[in-house]
């Protein structure tokens, strides 16, 4: 069996990255299972034995999340809801939309996020959520 490092190339890495990142892989979802199947098949092709271990886990993802922008040209964006966060209720929350860059504390230095809905780059993370909360953001 040839070492796996002999199969590494920029083209192959890009192909694998695109295959695994093609879908949002929430824990326990069919999409996550498809990503696992892909990775297992690739490693199996190098002769590795792959074991899948499943366990019960309490992971709270919202049923849905979206950002509805109102105004002269309204539109909606599908979003990933933050795990284990409380529901906004059927009416959601409203506020001015502000952009906070990476969403870390230093990104709030020159913006007023009080009562606002914050849009930031990347995925929701605890540090970003805390920074938005400390800046007075509503969402």
C-alpha atoms as a PDB file:
ATOM      1  CA  UNK A   1       0.000   0.000   0.000  1.00  0.00           C
ATOM      2  CA  UNK A   2       1.409   3.396  -1.032  1.00  0.00           C
ATOM      3  CA  UNK A   3       1.639   6.026   1.722  1.00  0.00           C
ATOM      4  CA  UNK A   4      -1.298   8.410   1.734  1.00  0.00           C
ATOM      5  CA  UNK A   5       1.083  11.380   1.455  1.00  0.00           C
ATOM      6  CA  UNK A   6       1.933  10.244  -2.102  1.00  0.00           C
ATOM      7  CA  UNK A   7      -1.657  11.029  -3.131  1.00  0.00           C
ATOM      8  CA  UNK A   8      -1.581  14.622  -1.861  1.00  0.00           C
ATOM      9  CA  UNK A   9      -1.823  17.326  -4.499  1.00  0.00           C
ATOM     10  CA  UNK A  10      -3.453  20.734  -4.681  1.00  0.00           C
ATOM     11  CA  UNK A  11      -5.959  19.403  -7.219  1.00  0.00           C
ATOM     12  CA  UNK A  12      -6.931  16.449  -5.039  1.00  0.00           C
ATOM     13  CA  UNK A  13      -7.148  18.561  -1.874  1.00  0.00           C
ATOM     14  CA  UNK A  14      -9.427  21.000  -3.692  1.00  0.00           C
ATOM     15  CA  UNK A  15     -11.603  18.133  -4.961  1.00  0.00           C
ATOM     16  CA  UNK A  16     -11.972  16.652  -1.466  1.00  0.00           C
ATOM     17  CA  UNK A  17     -12.632  20.035   0.132  1.00  0.00           C
ATOM     18  CA  UNK A  18     -15.375  20.781  -2.383  1.00  0.00           C
ATOM     19  CA  UNK A  19     -16.956  17.358  -1.855  1.00  0.00           C
ATOM     20  CA  UNK A  20     -17.048  17.641   1.948  1.00  0.00           C
ATOM     21  CA  UNK A  21     -18.060  21.325   1.984  1.00  0.00           C
ATOM     22  CA  UNK A  22     -20.833  20.928  -0.604  1.00  0.00           C
ATOM     23  CA  UNK A  23     -23.507  20.802   2.108  1.00  0.00           C
ATOM     24  CA  UNK A  24     -24.061  22.192   5.594  1.00  0.00           C
ATOM     25  CA  UNK A  25     -23.318  19.245   7.887  1.00  0.00           C
ATOM     26  CA  UNK A  26     -25.343  19.707  11.068  1.00  0.00           C
ATOM     27  CA  UNK A  27     -24.622  17.021  13.657  1.00  0.00           C
ATOM     28  CA  UNK A  28     -26.737  13.920  13.176  1.00  0.00           C
ATOM     29  CA  UNK A  29     -28.115  15.030   9.799  1.00  0.00           C
ATOM     30  CA  UNK A  30     -28.194  12.995   6.584  1.00  0.00           C
ATOM     31  CA  UNK A  31     -25.810  15.593   5.122  1.00  0.00           C
ATOM     32  CA  UNK A  32     -23.285  14.883   7.854  1.00  0.00           C
ATOM     33  CA  UNK A  33     -23.647  11.146   7.149  1.00  0.00           C
ATOM     34  CA  UNK A  34     -22.979  11.739   3.435  1.00  0.00           C
ATOM     35  CA  UNK A  35     -19.803  13.671   4.261  1.00  0.00           C
ATOM     36  CA  UNK A  36     -18.685  10.812   6.534  1.00  0.00           C
ATOM     37  CA  UNK A  37     -19.442   8.280   3.783  1.00  0.00           C
ATOM     38  CA  UNK A  38     -17.344  10.270   1.316  1.00  0.00           C
ATOM     39  CA  UNK A  39     -14.388  10.531   3.696  1.00  0.00           C
ATOM     40  CA  UNK A  40     -14.658   6.849   4.626  1.00  0.00           C
ATOM     41  CA  UNK A  41     -14.700   5.836   0.952  1.00  0.00           C
ATOM     42  CA  UNK A  42     -11.629   7.953   0.206  1.00  0.00           C
ATOM     43  CA  UNK A  43      -9.645   6.585   3.156  1.00  0.00           C
ATOM     44  CA  UNK A  44     -10.897   3.062   2.453  1.00  0.00           C
ATOM     45  CA  UNK A  45      -9.385   3.408  -1.020  1.00  0.00           C
ATOM     46  CA  UNK A  46      -6.009   3.750   0.687  1.00  0.00           C
ATOM     47  CA  UNK A  47      -6.615   0.543   2.625  1.00  0.00           C
ATOM     48  CA  UNK A  48      -7.675   2.082   5.932  1.00  0.00           C
ATOM     49  CA  UNK A  49     -10.414   0.411   7.938  1.00  0.00           C
ATOM     50  CA  UNK A  50     -13.097   2.866   8.995  1.00  0.00           C
ATOM     51  CA  UNK A  51     -15.432   2.401  11.943  1.00  0.00           C
ATOM     52  CA  UNK A  52     -18.518   4.574  12.360  1.00  0.00           C
ATOM     53  CA  UNK A  53     -19.563   5.042  15.953  1.00  0.00           C
ATOM     54  CA  UNK A  54     -22.968   6.523  16.707  1.00  0.00           C
ATOM     55  CA  UNK A  55     -24.117   7.810  20.058  1.00  0.00           C
ATOM     56  CA  UNK A  56     -27.091   9.634  21.493  1.00  0.00           C
ATOM     57  CA  UNK A  57     -26.385  13.335  21.889  1.00  0.00           C
ATOM     58  CA  UNK A  58     -28.505  16.257  22.955  1.00  0.00           C
ATOM     59  CA  UNK A  59     -27.775  18.892  20.359  1.00  0.00           C
ATOM     60  CA  UNK A  60     -30.295  21.672  19.976  1.00  0.00           C
ATOM     61  CA  UNK A  61     -30.488  23.174  16.512  1.00  0.00           C
ATOM     62  CA  UNK A  62     -33.402  25.409  15.597  1.00  0.00           C
ATOM     63  CA  UNK A  63     -35.903  24.121  13.044  1.00  0.00           C
ATOM     64  CA  UNK A  64     -35.139  27.115  10.860  1.00  0.00           C
ATOM     65  CA  UNK A  65     -33.511  30.500  10.788  1.00  0.00           C
ATOM     66  CA  UNK A  66     -33.702  33.402   8.372  1.00  0.00           C
ATOM     67  CA  UNK A  67     -32.914  37.083   8.104  1.00  0.00           C
ATOM     68  CA  UNK A  68     -35.673  39.178   6.512  1.00  0.00           C
ATOM     69  CA  UNK A  69     -34.453  42.564   5.325  1.00  0.00           C
ATOM     70  CA  UNK A  70     -37.239  45.120   4.976  1.00  0.00           C
ATOM     71  CA  UNK A  71     -37.253  48.412   3.159  1.00  0.00           C
ATOM     72  CA  UNK A  72     -37.265  49.552  -0.445  1.00  0.00           C
ATOM     73  CA  UNK A  73     -35.937  46.242  -1.779  1.00  0.00           C
ATOM     74  CA  UNK A  74     -36.915  43.564   0.770  1.00  0.00           C
ATOM     75  CA  UNK A  75     -35.333  40.112   0.657  1.00  0.00           C
ATOM     76  CA  UNK A  76     -34.725  37.102   2.888  1.00  0.00           C
ATOM     77  CA  UNK A  77     -31.585  35.106   3.590  1.00  0.00           C
ATOM     78  CA  UNK A  78     -31.627  31.565   4.930  1.00  0.00           C
ATOM     79  CA  UNK A  79     -29.376  31.279   7.966  1.00  0.00           C
ATOM     80  CA  UNK A  80     -27.892  28.711  10.307  1.00  0.00           C
ATOM     81  CA  UNK A  81     -29.449  29.158  13.716  1.00  0.00           C
ATOM     82  CA  UNK A  82     -27.101  29.112  16.661  1.00  0.00           C
ATOM     83  CA  UNK A  83     -27.158  25.815  18.554  1.00  0.00           C
ATOM     84  CA  UNK A  84     -29.014  25.824  21.882  1.00  0.00           C
ATOM     85  CA  UNK A  85     -30.172  29.426  21.477  1.00  0.00           C
ATOM     86  CA  UNK A  86     -33.695  30.401  22.494  1.00  0.00           C
ATOM     87  CA  UNK A  87     -36.410  30.907  19.915  1.00  0.00           C
ATOM     88  CA  UNK A  88     -37.380  34.415  18.911  1.00  0.00           C
ATOM     89  CA  UNK A  89     -41.020  33.329  18.855  1.00  0.00           C
ATOM     90  CA  UNK A  90     -43.358  33.520  15.868  1.00  0.00           C
ATOM     91  CA  UNK A  91     -42.858  37.261  15.355  1.00  0.00           C
ATOM     92  CA  UNK A  92     -39.050  37.147  15.401  1.00  0.00           C
ATOM     93  CA  UNK A  93     -37.092  40.224  16.439  1.00  0.00           C
ATOM     94  CA  UNK A  94     -36.686  43.496  14.616  1.00  0.00           C
ATOM     95  CA  UNK A  95     -34.010  46.154  14.589  1.00  0.00           C
ATOM     96  CA  UNK A  96     -31.646  48.087  12.398  1.00  0.00           C
ATOM     97  CA  UNK A  97     -29.072  45.919  10.638  1.00  0.00           C
ATOM     98  CA  UNK A  98     -25.425  46.652  11.443  1.00  0.00           C
ATOM     99  CA  UNK A  99     -22.307  44.978  10.099  1.00  0.00           C
ATOM    100  CA  UNK A 100     -19.708  44.017  12.698  1.00  0.00           C
ATOM    101  CA  UNK A 101     -16.880  42.558  10.606  1.00  0.00           C
ATOM    102  CA  UNK A 102     -15.568  39.431  12.309  1.00  0.00           C
ATOM    103  CA  UNK A 103     -17.986  40.049  15.193  1.00  0.00           C
ATOM    104  CA  UNK A 104     -15.361  40.162  17.933  1.00  0.00           C
ATOM    105  CA  UNK A 105     -15.283  42.810  20.708  1.00  0.00           C
ATOM    106  CA  UNK A 106     -12.864  45.106  18.867  1.00  0.00           C
ATOM    107  CA  UNK A 107     -15.211  45.160  15.859  1.00  0.00           C
ATOM    108  CA  UNK A 108     -17.827  47.038  17.912  1.00  0.00           C
ATOM    109  CA  UNK A 109     -15.543  49.999  18.728  1.00  0.00           C
ATOM    110  CA  UNK A 110     -16.916  52.249  15.977  1.00  0.00           C
ATOM    111  CA  UNK A 111     -20.497  51.024  15.608  1.00  0.00           C
ATOM    112  CA  UNK A 112     -23.636  51.409  17.687  1.00  0.00           C
ATOM    113  CA  UNK A 113     -25.179  47.937  17.980  1.00  0.00           C
ATOM    114  CA  UNK A 114     -27.677  48.795  20.747  1.00  0.00           C
ATOM    115  CA  UNK A 115     -31.021  47.261  19.796  1.00  0.00           C
ATOM    116  CA  UNK A 116     -29.659  46.236  16.390  1.00  0.00           C
ATOM    117  CA  UNK A 117     -29.469  42.990  14.470  1.00  0.00           C
ATOM    118  CA  UNK A 118     -25.793  42.197  13.888  1.00  0.00           C
ATOM    119  CA  UNK A 119     -24.447  40.682  10.706  1.00  0.00           C
ATOM    120  CA  UNK A 120     -20.889  39.346  10.974  1.00  0.00           C
ATOM    121  CA  UNK A 121     -18.550  37.239   8.895  1.00  0.00           C
ATOM    122  CA  UNK A 122     -18.281  33.491   9.456  1.00  0.00           C
ATOM    123  CA  UNK A 123     -20.168  31.105  11.674  1.00  0.00           C
ATOM    124  CA  UNK A 124     -21.873  31.857  14.961  1.00  0.00           C
ATOM    125  CA  UNK A 125     -19.528  31.213  17.863  1.00  0.00           C
ATOM    126  CA  UNK A 126     -19.778  31.831  21.609  1.00  0.00           C
ATOM    127  CA  UNK A 127     -17.249  34.689  21.577  1.00  0.00           C
ATOM    128  CA  UNK A 128     -19.113  36.478  18.799  1.00  0.00           C
ATOM    129  CA  UNK A 129     -22.443  35.995  20.555  1.00  0.00           C
ATOM    130  CA  UNK A 130     -21.039  37.407  23.791  1.00  0.00           C
ATOM    131  CA  UNK A 131     -19.495  40.376  21.987  1.00  0.00           C
ATOM    132  CA  UNK A 132     -22.840  41.193  20.320  1.00  0.00           C
ATOM    133  CA  UNK A 133     -24.657  40.862  23.624  1.00  0.00           C
ATOM    134  CA  UNK A 134     -22.196  43.115  25.445  1.00  0.00           C
ATOM    135  CA  UNK A 135     -22.593  45.677  22.659  1.00  0.00           C
ATOM    136  CA  UNK A 136     -26.370  45.679  23.321  1.00  0.00           C
ATOM    137  CA  UNK A 137     -27.445  43.897  20.138  1.00  0.00           C
ATOM    138  CA  UNK A 138     -30.939  42.442  19.934  1.00  0.00           C
ATOM    139  CA  UNK A 139     -29.991  39.703  17.507  1.00  0.00           C
END
